[in-house]
Structures are given as C-alpha cells and as structure tokens.
C-alpha atoms as a PDB file:
ATOM      1  CA  UNK A   1     153.937  51.253  -7.790  1.00  0.00           C
ATOM      2  CA  UNK A   2     153.178  54.202 -10.082  1.00  0.00           C
ATOM      3  CA  UNK A   3     150.191  56.459  -9.412  1.00  0.00           C
ATOM      4  CA  UNK A   4     148.230  58.221 -12.117  1.00  0.00           C
ATOM      5  CA  UNK A   5     147.009  61.774 -11.503  1.00  0.00           C
ATOM      6  CA  UNK A   6     144.485  63.804 -13.463  1.00  0.00           C
ATOM      7  CA  UNK A   7     144.782  67.573 -13.186  1.00  0.00           C
ATOM      8  CA  UNK A   8     143.343  70.835 -14.400  1.00  0.00           C
ATOM      9  CA  UNK A   9     145.440  73.939 -14.903  1.00  0.00           C
ATOM     10  CA  UNK A  10     144.236  77.534 -15.247  1.00  0.00           C
ATOM     11  CA  UNK A  11     146.075  80.828 -15.185  1.00  0.00           C
ATOM     12  CA  UNK A  12     147.036  83.953 -17.063  1.00  0.00           C
ATOM     13  CA  UNK A  13     148.718  82.893 -20.284  1.00  0.00           C
ATOM     14  CA  UNK A  14     152.434  83.563 -20.587  1.00  0.00           C
ATOM     15  CA  UNK A  15     155.425  81.969 -22.270  1.00  0.00           C
ATOM     16  CA  UNK A  16     156.977  79.104 -20.333  1.00  0.00           C
ATOM     17  CA  UNK A  17     153.926  77.659 -18.555  1.00  0.00           C
ATOM     18  CA  UNK A  18     154.095  74.267 -20.247  1.00  0.00           C
ATOM     19  CA  UNK A  19     157.855  74.233 -19.644  1.00  0.00           C
ATOM     20  CA  UNK A  20     157.308  74.911 -15.921  1.00  0.00           C
ATOM     21  CA  UNK A  21     154.666  72.170 -15.696  1.00  0.00           C
ATOM     22  CA  UNK A  22     156.688  69.599 -17.607  1.00  0.00           C
ATOM     23  CA  UNK A  23     159.857  70.393 -15.649  1.00  0.00           C
ATOM     24  CA  UNK A  24     158.028  70.015 -12.331  1.00  0.00           C
ATOM     25  CA  UNK A  25     156.587  66.683 -13.411  1.00  0.00           C
ATOM     26  CA  UNK A  26     159.934  65.413 -14.741  1.00  0.00           C
ATOM     27  CA  UNK A  27     161.730  66.553 -11.553  1.00  0.00           C
ATOM     28  CA  UNK A  28     159.454  64.150  -9.637  1.00  0.00           C
ATOM     29  CA  UNK A  29     160.147  61.210 -11.965  1.00  0.00           C
ATOM     30  CA  UNK A  30     156.764  61.778 -13.557  1.00  0.00           C
ATOM     31  CA  UNK A  31     155.649  60.836 -17.021  1.00  0.00           C
ATOM     32  CA  UNK A  32     153.312  63.108 -18.997  1.00  0.00           C
ATOM     33  CA  UNK A  33     150.743  60.647 -20.421  1.00  0.00           C
ATOM     34  CA  UNK A  34     148.135  62.783 -22.173  1.00  0.00           C
ATOM     35  CA  UNK A  35     146.821  66.331 -22.236  1.00  0.00           C
ATOM     36  CA  UNK A  36     144.497  68.871 -23.820  1.00  0.00           C
ATOM     37  CA  UNK A  37     145.537  72.511 -23.635  1.00  0.00           C
ATOM     38  CA  UNK A  38     144.316  75.791 -25.069  1.00  0.00           C
ATOM     39  CA  UNK A  39     144.486  79.529 -24.706  1.00  0.00           C
ATOM     40  CA  UNK A  40     141.025  80.877 -23.913  1.00  0.00           C
ATOM     41  CA  UNK A  41     140.299  84.579 -23.383  1.00  0.00           C
ATOM     42  CA  UNK A  42     143.872  85.325 -22.338  1.00  0.00           C
ATOM     43  CA  UNK A  43     144.105  82.353 -19.991  1.00  0.00           C
ATOM     44  CA  UNK A  44     146.085  79.164 -20.321  1.00  0.00           C
ATOM     45  CA  UNK A  45     143.784  76.193 -19.704  1.00  0.00           C
ATOM     46  CA  UNK A  46     144.593  72.534 -19.631  1.00  0.00           C
ATOM     47  CA  UNK A  47     143.786  69.078 -18.473  1.00  0.00           C
ATOM     48  CA  UNK A  48     146.433  66.408 -18.228  1.00  0.00           C
ATOM     49  CA  UNK A  49     147.187  62.981 -16.885  1.00  0.00           C
ATOM     50  CA  UNK A  50     150.567  62.133 -15.437  1.00  0.00           C
ATOM     51  CA  UNK A  51     152.059  59.116 -13.752  1.00  0.00           C
ATOM     52  CA  UNK A  52     154.742  59.154 -11.076  1.00  0.00           C
ATOM     53  CA  UNK A  53     156.103  56.810  -8.414  1.00  0.00           C
ATOM     54  CA  UNK A  54     153.771  56.535  -5.421  1.00  0.00           C
ATOM     55  CA  UNK A  55     156.438  57.884  -3.069  1.00  0.00           C
ATOM     56  CA  UNK A  56     156.718  61.068  -5.197  1.00  0.00           C
ATOM     57  CA  UNK A  57     152.993  61.943  -5.360  1.00  0.00           C
ATOM     58  CA  UNK A  58     152.907  64.168  -2.254  1.00  0.00           C
ATOM     59  CA  UNK A  59     156.000  66.155  -3.233  1.00  0.00           C
ATOM     60  CA  UNK A  60     154.779  66.488  -6.844  1.00  0.00           C
ATOM     61  CA  UNK A  61     151.431  67.836  -5.651  1.00  0.00           C
ATOM     62  CA  UNK A  62     153.201  70.299  -3.339  1.00  0.00           C
ATOM     63  CA  UNK A  63     155.484  71.454  -6.166  1.00  0.00           C
ATOM     64  CA  UNK A  64     152.480  71.925  -8.453  1.00  0.00           C
ATOM     65  CA  UNK A  65     150.702  73.964  -5.752  1.00  0.00           C
ATOM     66  CA  UNK A  66     153.812  76.173  -5.536  1.00  0.00           C
ATOM     67  CA  UNK A  67     153.376  77.012  -9.220  1.00  0.00           C
ATOM     68  CA  UNK A  68     150.319  78.945  -8.034  1.00  0.00           C
ATOM     69  CA  UNK A  69     152.541  81.791  -6.868  1.00  0.00           C
ATOM     70  CA  UNK A  70     152.675  82.846 -10.521  1.00  0.00           C
ATOM     71  CA  UNK A  71     148.872  82.926 -10.763  1.00  0.00           C
ATOM     72  CA  UNK A  72     148.517  79.362 -11.973  1.00  0.00           C
ATOM     73  CA  UNK A  73     145.858  77.200 -10.336  1.00  0.00           C
ATOM     74  CA  UNK A  74     146.470  73.444 -10.401  1.00  0.00           C
ATOM     75  CA  UNK A  75     143.902  70.948  -9.163  1.00  0.00           C
ATOM     76  CA  UNK A  76     144.934  67.274  -9.102  1.00  0.00           C
ATOM     77  CA  UNK A  77     143.184  64.044  -8.167  1.00  0.00           C
ATOM     78  CA  UNK A  78     144.176  60.400  -8.372  1.00  0.00           C
ATOM     79  CA  UNK A  79     142.863  58.546 -11.388  1.00  0.00           C
ATOM     80  CA  UNK A  80     139.856  56.340 -10.691  1.00  0.00           C
ATOM     81  CA  UNK A  81     138.512  53.370 -12.585  1.00  0.00           C
ATOM     82  CA  UNK A  82     135.562  54.089 -14.893  1.00  0.00           C
ATOM     83  CA  UNK A  83     132.202  53.515 -13.200  1.00  0.00           C
ATOM     84  CA  UNK A  84     130.513  52.198 -16.319  1.00  0.00           C
ATOM     85  CA  UNK A  85     131.667  50.184 -19.256  1.00  0.00           C
ATOM     86  CA  UNK A  86     130.726  51.466 -22.664  1.00  0.00           C
ATOM     87  CA  UNK A  87     132.534  49.774 -25.452  1.00  0.00           C
ATOM     88  CA  UNK A  88     131.052  51.511 -28.480  1.00  0.00           C
ATOM     89  CA  UNK A  89     131.946  55.091 -29.296  1.00  0.00           C
ATOM     90  CA  UNK A  90     130.589  57.384 -31.994  1.00  0.00           C
ATOM     91  CA  UNK A  91     132.111  60.582 -33.414  1.00  0.00           C
ATOM     92  CA  UNK A  92     129.886  63.561 -34.063  1.00  0.00           C
ATOM     93  CA  UNK A  93     130.247  66.797 -35.994  1.00  0.00           C
ATOM     94  CA  UNK A  94     127.635  69.553 -35.733  1.00  0.00           C
ATOM     95  CA  UNK A  95     127.636  72.936 -37.442  1.00  0.00           C
ATOM     96  CA  UNK A  96     125.028  75.681 -37.621  1.00  0.00           C
ATOM     97  CA  UNK A  97     123.930  79.094 -36.448  1.00  0.00           C
ATOM     98  CA  UNK A  98     125.077  79.913 -32.935  1.00  0.00           C
ATOM     99  CA  UNK A  99     122.548  80.687 -30.225  1.00  0.00           C
ATOM    100  CA  UNK A 100     122.494  80.871 -26.433  1.00  0.00           C
ATOM    101  CA  UNK A 101     122.007  77.451 -24.835  1.00  0.00           C
ATOM    102  CA  UNK A 102     123.178  75.379 -27.800  1.00  0.00           C
ATOM    103  CA  UNK A 103     125.661  73.358 -25.699  1.00  0.00           C
ATOM    104  CA  UNK A 104     122.961  72.762 -23.057  1.00  0.00           C
ATOM    105  CA  UNK A 105     120.610  71.480 -25.747  1.00  0.00           C
ATOM    106  CA  UNK A 106     123.372  69.341 -27.282  1.00  0.00           C
ATOM    107  CA  UNK A 107     124.301  67.790 -23.929  1.00  0.00           C
ATOM    108  CA  UNK A 108     120.649  67.151 -23.034  1.00  0.00           C
ATOM    109  CA  UNK A 109     120.005  65.458 -26.396  1.00  0.00           C
ATOM    110  CA  UNK A 110     123.033  63.188 -25.986  1.00  0.00           C
ATOM    111  CA  UNK A 111     122.059  62.256 -22.416  1.00  0.00           C
ATOM    112  CA  UNK A 112     118.409  61.641 -23.376  1.00  0.00           C
ATOM    113  CA  UNK A 113     119.559  59.324 -26.172  1.00  0.00           C
ATOM    114  CA  UNK A 114     121.647  57.346 -23.647  1.00  0.00           C
ATOM    115  CA  UNK A 115     125.106  58.596 -24.606  1.00  0.00           C
ATOM    116  CA  UNK A 116     128.035  59.676 -22.461  1.00  0.00           C
ATOM    117  CA  UNK A 117     130.128  62.612 -23.715  1.00  0.00           C
ATOM    118  CA  UNK A 118     133.753  61.448 -23.756  1.00  0.00           C
ATOM    119  CA  UNK A 119     135.136  64.392 -25.717  1.00  0.00           C
ATOM    120  CA  UNK A 120     133.668  67.723 -26.758  1.00  0.00           C
ATOM    121  CA  UNK A 121     135.313  70.545 -28.685  1.00  0.00           C
ATOM    122  CA  UNK A 122     133.338  73.624 -29.661  1.00  0.00           C
ATOM    123  CA  UNK A 123     134.177  76.878 -31.343  1.00  0.00           C
ATOM    124  CA  UNK A 124     132.731  79.754 -33.285  1.00  0.00           C
ATOM    125  CA  UNK A 125     133.973  79.858 -36.853  1.00  0.00           C
ATOM    126  CA  UNK A 126     133.497  82.368 -39.633  1.00  0.00           C
ATOM    127  CA  UNK A 127     130.813  81.236 -42.075  1.00  0.00           C
ATOM    128  CA  UNK A 128     132.074  80.797 -45.622  1.00  0.00           C
ATOM    129  CA  UNK A 129     131.104  83.737 -47.849  1.00  0.00           C
ATOM    130  CA  UNK A 130     128.864  85.426 -45.205  1.00  0.00           C
ATOM    131  CA  UNK A 131     131.507  85.809 -42.486  1.00  0.00           C
ATOM    132  CA  UNK A 132     129.073  85.689 -39.553  1.00  0.00           C
ATOM    133  CA  UNK A 133     129.968  83.334 -36.681  1.00  0.00           C
ATOM    134  CA  UNK A 134     128.694  79.755 -36.831  1.00  0.00           C
ATOM    135  CA  UNK A 135     128.744  77.175 -34.069  1.00  0.00           C
ATOM    136  CA  UNK A 136     130.895  74.096 -34.674  1.00  0.00           C
ATOM    137  CA  UNK A 137     131.178  71.161 -32.276  1.00  0.00           C
ATOM    138  CA  UNK A 138     132.947  67.848 -32.616  1.00  0.00           C
ATOM    139  CA  UNK A 139     133.265  65.075 -30.122  1.00  0.00           C
ATOM    140  CA  UNK A 140     132.949  61.491 -29.091  1.00  0.00           C
ATOM    141  CA  UNK A 141     129.939  59.900 -27.425  1.00  0.00           C
ATOM    142  CA  UNK A 142     130.218  56.431 -25.898  1.00  0.00           C
ATOM    143  CA  UNK A 143     127.172  54.210 -25.754  1.00  0.00           C
ATOM    144  CA  UNK A 144     126.048  50.720 -24.820  1.00  0.00           C
ATOM    145  CA  UNK A 145     126.856  47.980 -27.359  1.00  0.00           C
ATOM    146  CA  UNK A 146     123.198  47.631 -28.438  1.00  0.00           C
ATOM    147  CA  UNK A 147     122.676  51.394 -28.863  1.00  0.00           C
ATOM    148  CA  UNK A 148     120.589  52.557 -31.848  1.00  0.00           C
ATOM    149  CA  UNK A 149     122.805  55.119 -33.606  1.00  0.00           C
ATOM    150  CA  UNK A 150     119.849  56.598 -35.467  1.00  0.00           C
ATOM    151  CA  UNK A 151     118.273  57.677 -32.157  1.00  0.00           C
ATOM    152  CA  UNK A 152     121.288  59.904 -31.502  1.00  0.00           C
ATOM    153  CA  UNK A 153     121.232  61.321 -35.036  1.00  0.00           C
ATOM    154  CA  UNK A 154     117.505  62.097 -34.693  1.00  0.00           C
ATOM    155  CA  UNK A 155     117.994  63.719 -31.258  1.00  0.00           C
ATOM    156  CA  UNK A 156     120.769  65.943 -32.610  1.00  0.00           C
ATOM    157  CA  UNK A 157     118.892  66.855 -35.777  1.00  0.00           C
ATOM    158  CA  UNK A 158     115.893  67.862 -33.649  1.00  0.00           C
ATOM    159  CA  UNK A 159     118.026  70.623 -32.075  1.00  0.00           C
ATOM    160  CA  UNK A 160     117.231  72.849 -35.035  1.00  0.00           C
ATOM    161  CA  UNK A 161     116.649  72.913 -38.773  1.00  0.00           C
ATOM    162  CA  UNK A 162     119.766  75.009 -39.360  1.00  0.00           C
ATOM    163  CA  UNK A 163     122.185  72.416 -37.971  1.00  0.00           C
ATOM    164  CA  UNK A 164     124.280  70.073 -40.081  1.00  0.00           C
ATOM    165  CA  UNK A 165     124.729  66.808 -38.142  1.00  0.00           C
ATOM    166  CA  UNK A 166     127.074  63.908 -38.822  1.00  0.00           C
ATOM    167  CA  UNK A 167     127.474  60.851 -36.579  1.00  0.00           C
ATOM    168  CA  UNK A 168     130.023  58.148 -37.471  1.00  0.00           C
ATOM    169  CA  UNK A 169     131.072  54.905 -35.785  1.00  0.00           C
END
C-alpha cells in the first residue's frame, strides 16, 4: 500500500537541487504529487508531498537524509488526515504599505474571524510610480459552511486604512 509523505527542504541554493530530490524520490519508486518551492535570501526552500510504496519509505527517508551532506536539510513526516472539515474556501488579496507585524495582524484577524489559513503567499513589491516597497499577500482561507464572508472582509479591512482588501469565494 502506498504511503504519502510531506516534507520540508532547506539549504543553500545551487543548480541541481530539484534534480537530486526528484531522482532520489524516483529511485525509490516514489511519485512527486505536489510542491511549493522558492529561492529566499540565497536559500532553496520547499515543501512537497510524495507517495511511495510502504516498503520503500524507510530507504527513501534515509536517502533523503543523505542529501544533507551537501547542506540540504530534509524533514519528512507521514501524511495525516485533516482534523477538521471545512468545505468552503475563500481567496484573499491584500495590498498596502508594509510595516512590522503585518503578517501577525493578518493571521490574528483570520483566526478571530474563524478562518483557517490554507495557503499564504506574501512579498514586497515596488509601488507603481512611487517605487517604494508595498506589502502584497494572497491566499486561501477555509471556513465553516455557514461562515459570514463579510466578517472576514471587515476583520481584514480593520488592519489599516491603507490596505486594499479583496475576498472572493
């Protein structure tokens, strides 16, 4: 029976890292199911989910640990079933002046409104015309079926008058 693993990867960025990871997974009859990867501050970062035959899990994990000799850190766990069921998800897009603690405030507002962050991407972008950095976050929040979408919009808009907020089903 196949086992699904979720892993994080972190290490100095260099050509060939994804090739090394994908080769290791394929060598253990694994299937690369989904991933998110980026280069951040000179480091390769990633999260991924793979599936491989149960009898290959231990050797795959050992092979992934051996990739650490090149400075790559791999942490893997077996996939678990979700603890809650939320069958309604909303997309959000927020843009405005950057400030310390903006992600903390964003996360607190989402949690207080009853949402669960399923995906979050944030970046600093150059403001049109002015060129100064502006905060931009997009993501997905999952909520209970009877959730009041306006409560999330209000919570996010209350983060500051300079923020542009959009929430879509």
